[in-house]
Amino acid sequence: MQTPKSLPWHARRVGIPVERAEALWRKAVRTATAETGWVGTSEYWGSAMDNFLRLLDEEKTTLCTPQVTPLVRSQNRMWLLPLIAMEDVFSAVSANWQRVAAHVREAA
């Protein structure tokens, strides 16, 4: 049985091996055959793809892959905190300096 050309892409997107995605595709085809009763119609292929995507989503929820992105983002924000604080201090000093300079000009 031919697998869809997008199968490796779907496997990488979910994070499973291509061999596992092929097994899920075969299961989706068997389910589509049982549901539609016909092989090769557009309804059959649509059902097979829907079943395949559902099986991929179920497989994705069983994987225990750590989500690194939130950790990296929080570390980036923590690294930026001293820079943000320094920027706030410089803004306050600059505003104060401009206020003092304006008072000196008025007094002169």
N, C-alpha and C. Protein backbone atom coordinates (compact mmCIF):
# COMPACT_ATOMS: atom_id res chain seq x y z
N MET A 1 0.85 -1.18 0.00
CA MET A 1 0.00 0.00 0.00
C MET A 1 0.89 1.23 0.00
N GLN A 2 0.55 2.19 -0.81
CA GLN A 2 1.29 3.44 -0.89
C GLN A 2 0.97 4.32 0.32
N THR A 3 1.99 4.92 0.85
CA THR A 3 1.79 5.88 1.94
C THR A 3 1.75 7.27 1.35
N PRO A 4 1.11 8.22 2.03
CA PRO A 4 1.09 9.58 1.51
C PRO A 4 2.51 10.17 1.50
N LYS A 5 2.76 11.05 0.55
CA LYS A 5 4.08 11.68 0.46
C LYS A 5 4.36 12.58 1.65
N SER A 6 3.31 13.04 2.31
CA SER A 6 3.49 13.93 3.46
C SER A 6 3.71 13.16 4.76
N LEU A 7 3.75 11.84 4.70
CA LEU A 7 3.89 11.04 5.92
C LEU A 7 5.17 11.36 6.69
N PRO A 8 6.35 11.47 6.06
CA PRO A 8 7.55 11.83 6.85
C PRO A 8 7.43 13.20 7.51
N TRP A 9 6.79 14.13 6.83
CA TRP A 9 6.60 15.46 7.42
C TRP A 9 5.72 15.38 8.66
N HIS A 10 4.63 14.62 8.54
CA HIS A 10 3.73 14.45 9.70
C HIS A 10 4.47 13.76 10.85
N ALA A 11 5.30 12.77 10.52
CA ALA A 11 6.04 12.05 11.56
C ALA A 11 7.00 13.00 12.28
N ARG A 12 7.72 13.84 11.52
CA ARG A 12 8.64 14.79 12.15
C ARG A 12 7.89 15.82 12.98
N ARG A 13 6.74 16.26 12.49
CA ARG A 13 5.95 17.26 13.19
C ARG A 13 5.52 16.74 14.57
N VAL A 14 5.14 15.48 14.63
CA VAL A 14 4.69 14.89 15.88
C VAL A 14 5.88 14.42 16.72
N GLY A 15 6.99 14.06 16.06
CA GLY A 15 8.16 13.60 16.79
C GLY A 15 8.24 12.10 16.94
N ILE A 16 7.72 11.37 15.94
CA ILE A 16 7.78 9.91 15.99
C ILE A 16 8.58 9.42 14.79
N PRO A 17 9.10 8.19 14.84
CA PRO A 17 9.83 7.64 13.69
C PRO A 17 8.88 7.40 12.51
N VAL A 18 9.44 7.43 11.32
CA VAL A 18 8.64 7.23 10.10
C VAL A 18 8.02 5.83 10.11
N GLU A 19 8.75 4.86 10.64
CA GLU A 19 8.21 3.49 10.69
C GLU A 19 6.93 3.43 11.53
N ARG A 20 6.91 4.16 12.64
CA ARG A 20 5.70 4.19 13.49
C ARG A 20 4.57 4.90 12.75
N ALA A 21 4.90 5.97 12.02
CA ALA A 21 3.88 6.68 11.24
C ALA A 21 3.31 5.78 10.15
N GLU A 22 4.16 4.94 9.55
CA GLU A 22 3.67 4.00 8.53
C GLU A 22 2.71 2.99 9.15
N ALA A 23 3.02 2.52 10.36
CA ALA A 23 2.12 1.59 11.05
C ALA A 23 0.79 2.27 11.36
N LEU A 24 0.84 3.52 11.77
CA LEU A 24 -0.40 4.26 12.04
C LEU A 24 -1.19 4.47 10.75
N TRP A 25 -0.50 4.69 9.63
CA TRP A 25 -1.18 4.86 8.35
C TRP A 25 -1.90 3.57 7.97
N ARG A 26 -1.24 2.43 8.15
CA ARG A 26 -1.89 1.16 7.82
C ARG A 26 -3.13 0.94 8.70
N LYS A 27 -3.04 1.32 9.96
CA LYS A 27 -4.20 1.20 10.86
C LYS A 27 -5.32 2.14 10.40
N ALA A 28 -4.97 3.35 9.97
CA ALA A 28 -5.97 4.30 9.49
C ALA A 28 -6.64 3.80 8.22
N VAL A 29 -5.88 3.14 7.34
CA VAL A 29 -6.45 2.59 6.11
C VAL A 29 -7.42 1.45 6.43
N ARG A 30 -7.04 0.60 7.39
CA ARG A 30 -7.95 -0.49 7.78
C ARG A 30 -9.25 0.08 8.36
N THR A 31 -9.13 1.11 9.17
CA THR A 31 -10.32 1.73 9.77
C THR A 31 -11.18 2.37 8.70
N ALA A 32 -10.54 3.05 7.73
CA ALA A 32 -11.30 3.70 6.64
C ALA A 32 -12.02 2.65 5.79
N THR A 33 -11.38 1.52 5.57
CA THR A 33 -12.02 0.45 4.80
C THR A 33 -13.25 -0.07 5.54
N ALA A 34 -13.14 -0.21 6.84
CA ALA A 34 -14.28 -0.69 7.63
C ALA A 34 -15.39 0.35 7.67
N GLU A 35 -15.02 1.63 7.71
CA GLU A 35 -16.04 2.69 7.80
C GLU A 35 -16.79 2.88 6.48
N THR A 36 -16.05 2.95 5.38
CA THR A 36 -16.68 3.29 4.10
C THR A 36 -17.14 2.08 3.31
N GLY A 37 -16.44 0.97 3.47
CA GLY A 37 -16.81 -0.21 2.71
C GLY A 37 -16.28 -0.22 1.29
N TRP A 38 -15.75 0.88 0.84
CA TRP A 38 -15.21 0.99 -0.51
C TRP A 38 -13.75 1.41 -0.42
N VAL A 39 -12.98 0.96 -1.38
CA VAL A 39 -11.56 1.32 -1.41
C VAL A 39 -11.29 2.17 -2.64
N GLY A 40 -10.61 3.27 -2.45
CA GLY A 40 -10.19 4.09 -3.59
C GLY A 40 -11.06 5.29 -3.88
N THR A 41 -12.17 5.46 -3.19
CA THR A 41 -13.00 6.64 -3.44
C THR A 41 -12.47 7.83 -2.65
N SER A 42 -12.94 8.99 -3.00
CA SER A 42 -12.50 10.19 -2.29
C SER A 42 -12.94 10.16 -0.83
N GLU A 43 -14.12 9.60 -0.58
CA GLU A 43 -14.59 9.46 0.80
C GLU A 43 -13.65 8.53 1.59
N TYR A 44 -13.19 7.47 0.95
CA TYR A 44 -12.28 6.53 1.58
C TYR A 44 -10.96 7.21 1.94
N TRP A 45 -10.36 7.93 0.99
CA TRP A 45 -9.08 8.58 1.25
C TRP A 45 -9.21 9.69 2.29
N GLY A 46 -10.32 10.41 2.25
CA GLY A 46 -10.56 11.43 3.27
C GLY A 46 -10.69 10.83 4.65
N SER A 47 -11.41 9.71 4.73
CA SER A 47 -11.56 9.02 6.01
C SER A 47 -10.22 8.48 6.49
N ALA A 48 -9.42 7.94 5.56
CA ALA A 48 -8.11 7.41 5.94
C ALA A 48 -7.22 8.52 6.48
N MET A 49 -7.23 9.67 5.83
CA MET A 49 -6.38 10.78 6.28
C MET A 49 -6.88 11.33 7.61
N ASP A 50 -8.18 11.44 7.78
CA ASP A 50 -8.73 11.91 9.07
C ASP A 50 -8.35 10.96 10.20
N ASN A 51 -8.47 9.66 9.94
CA ASN A 51 -8.10 8.67 10.95
C ASN A 51 -6.60 8.74 11.25
N PHE A 52 -5.79 8.93 10.21
CA PHE A 52 -4.34 9.01 10.39
C PHE A 52 -3.97 10.21 11.26
N LEU A 53 -4.56 11.36 10.97
CA LEU A 53 -4.26 12.56 11.76
C LEU A 53 -4.73 12.39 13.20
N ARG A 54 -5.88 11.74 13.40
CA ARG A 54 -6.36 11.48 14.75
C ARG A 54 -5.40 10.56 15.50
N LEU A 55 -4.94 9.51 14.81
CA LEU A 55 -3.99 8.58 15.43
C LEU A 55 -2.67 9.27 15.76
N LEU A 56 -2.23 10.18 14.88
CA LEU A 56 -1.00 10.93 15.16
C LEU A 56 -1.16 11.79 16.40
N ASP A 57 -2.31 12.45 16.52
CA ASP A 57 -2.54 13.28 17.71
C ASP A 57 -2.58 12.43 18.98
N GLU A 58 -3.19 11.26 18.90
CA GLU A 58 -3.20 10.36 20.05
C GLU A 58 -1.79 9.90 20.40
N GLU A 59 -1.00 9.63 19.37
CA GLU A 59 0.38 9.20 19.60
C GLU A 59 1.21 10.32 20.21
N LYS A 60 0.94 11.54 19.78
CA LYS A 60 1.68 12.69 20.31
C LYS A 60 1.43 12.87 21.81
N THR A 61 0.21 12.60 22.25
CA THR A 61 -0.11 12.78 23.67
C THR A 61 0.54 11.71 24.53
N THR A 62 0.93 10.58 23.94
CA THR A 62 1.58 9.53 24.72
C THR A 62 3.08 9.73 24.84
N LEU A 63 3.65 10.61 24.01
CA LEU A 63 5.10 10.83 24.06
C LEU A 63 5.45 11.67 25.28
N CYS A 64 6.60 11.41 25.83
CA CYS A 64 7.07 12.15 27.00
C CYS A 64 8.23 13.06 26.61
N THR A 65 8.05 13.83 25.59
CA THR A 65 9.12 14.74 25.16
C THR A 65 9.02 16.02 25.97
N PRO A 66 10.15 16.48 26.49
CA PRO A 66 10.12 17.71 27.28
C PRO A 66 9.94 18.92 26.39
N GLN A 67 9.22 19.88 26.88
CA GLN A 67 9.03 21.14 26.16
C GLN A 67 10.09 22.12 26.63
N VAL A 68 11.07 22.38 25.80
CA VAL A 68 12.22 23.20 26.18
C VAL A 68 11.96 24.68 25.92
N THR A 69 11.12 24.99 24.98
CA THR A 69 10.92 26.38 24.59
C THR A 69 10.50 27.27 25.75
N PRO A 70 9.53 26.91 26.59
CA PRO A 70 9.18 27.80 27.71
C PRO A 70 10.34 28.04 28.66
N LEU A 71 11.16 27.02 28.89
CA LEU A 71 12.31 27.17 29.77
C LEU A 71 13.31 28.16 29.18
N VAL A 72 13.57 28.04 27.89
CA VAL A 72 14.52 28.95 27.24
C VAL A 72 14.00 30.37 27.26
N ARG A 73 12.70 30.54 27.02
CA ARG A 73 12.13 31.89 27.03
C ARG A 73 12.23 32.52 28.42
N SER A 74 11.95 31.74 29.46
CA SER A 74 12.04 32.29 30.82
C SER A 74 13.48 32.62 31.17
N GLN A 75 14.43 31.81 30.75
CA GLN A 75 15.84 32.10 31.00
C GLN A 75 16.25 33.37 30.27
N ASN A 76 15.75 33.55 29.07
CA ASN A 76 16.07 34.76 28.31
C ASN A 76 15.53 35.99 29.02
N ARG A 77 14.29 35.90 29.53
CA ARG A 77 13.72 37.03 30.26
C ARG A 77 14.52 37.32 31.53
N MET A 78 14.95 36.27 32.22
CA MET A 78 15.73 36.48 33.45
C MET A 78 17.08 37.12 33.13
N TRP A 79 17.67 36.75 31.99
CA TRP A 79 18.94 37.34 31.58
C TRP A 79 18.76 38.82 31.25
N LEU A 80 17.60 39.18 30.73
CA LEU A 80 17.34 40.56 30.35
C LEU A 80 16.97 41.47 31.52
N LEU A 81 16.58 40.90 32.65
CA LEU A 81 16.13 41.72 33.78
C LEU A 81 17.14 42.78 34.22
N PRO A 82 18.43 42.46 34.40
CA PRO A 82 19.37 43.51 34.78
C PRO A 82 19.47 44.62 33.74
N LEU A 83 19.39 44.25 32.47
CA LEU A 83 19.46 45.26 31.41
C LEU A 83 18.23 46.16 31.43
N ILE A 84 17.07 45.58 31.66
CA ILE A 84 15.83 46.36 31.74
C ILE A 84 15.87 47.29 32.94
N ALA A 85 16.37 46.78 34.07
CA ALA A 85 16.47 47.61 35.28
C ALA A 85 17.44 48.76 35.04
N MET A 86 18.57 48.50 34.39
CA MET A 86 19.54 49.54 34.12
C MET A 86 18.94 50.60 33.18
N GLU A 87 18.17 50.16 32.21
CA GLU A 87 17.52 51.09 31.29
C GLU A 87 16.53 51.99 32.05
N ASP A 88 15.78 51.42 32.98
CA ASP A 88 14.84 52.20 33.79
C ASP A 88 15.58 53.23 34.65
N VAL A 89 16.70 52.83 35.24
CA VAL A 89 17.48 53.75 36.06
C VAL A 89 18.00 54.90 35.21
N PHE A 90 18.54 54.59 34.04
CA PHE A 90 19.04 55.65 33.16
C PHE A 90 17.93 56.59 32.72
N SER A 91 16.74 56.06 32.46
CA SER A 91 15.61 56.92 32.07
C SER A 91 15.23 57.85 33.21
N ALA A 92 15.22 57.32 34.44
CA ALA A 92 14.89 58.16 35.60
C ALA A 92 15.95 59.23 35.82
N VAL A 93 17.22 58.86 35.71
CA VAL A 93 18.30 59.84 35.88
C VAL A 93 18.24 60.91 34.80
N SER A 94 17.96 60.49 33.57
CA SER A 94 17.87 61.45 32.47
C SER A 94 16.71 62.42 32.68
N ALA A 95 15.56 61.91 33.10
CA ALA A 95 14.41 62.78 33.34
C ALA A 95 14.71 63.75 34.46
N ASN A 96 15.36 63.27 35.53
CA ASN A 96 15.73 64.14 36.65
C ASN A 96 16.74 65.20 36.19
N TRP A 97 17.71 64.81 35.39
CA TRP A 97 18.73 65.74 34.89
C TRP A 97 18.08 66.84 34.05
N GLN A 98 17.13 66.46 33.19
CA GLN A 98 16.45 67.45 32.35
C GLN A 98 15.62 68.39 33.21
N ARG A 99 15.00 67.88 34.27
CA ARG A 99 14.22 68.73 35.18
C ARG A 99 15.13 69.73 35.89
N VAL A 100 16.31 69.27 36.35
CA VAL A 100 17.26 70.16 37.02
C VAL A 100 17.78 71.21 36.04
N ALA A 101 18.08 70.78 34.82
CA ALA A 101 18.59 71.72 33.82
C ALA A 101 17.54 72.78 33.50
N ALA A 102 16.26 72.39 33.46
CA ALA A 102 15.20 73.36 33.19
C ALA A 102 15.10 74.38 34.33
N HIS A 103 15.25 73.93 35.58
CA HIS A 103 15.20 74.85 36.73
C HIS A 103 16.39 75.80 36.72
N VAL A 104 17.56 75.31 36.32
CA VAL A 104 18.75 76.18 36.25
C VAL A 104 18.56 77.26 35.20
N ARG A 105 17.97 76.88 34.04
CA ARG A 105 17.74 77.86 32.98
C ARG A 105 16.73 78.92 33.43
N GLU A 106 15.71 78.48 34.16
CA GLU A 106 14.70 79.45 34.65
C GLU A 106 15.32 80.40 35.68
N ALA A 107 16.21 79.88 36.50
CA ALA A 107 16.82 80.73 37.53
C ALA A 107 17.79 81.74 36.94
N ALA A 108 18.36 81.41 35.79
CA ALA A 108 19.37 82.30 35.21
C ALA A 108 18.75 83.39 34.42
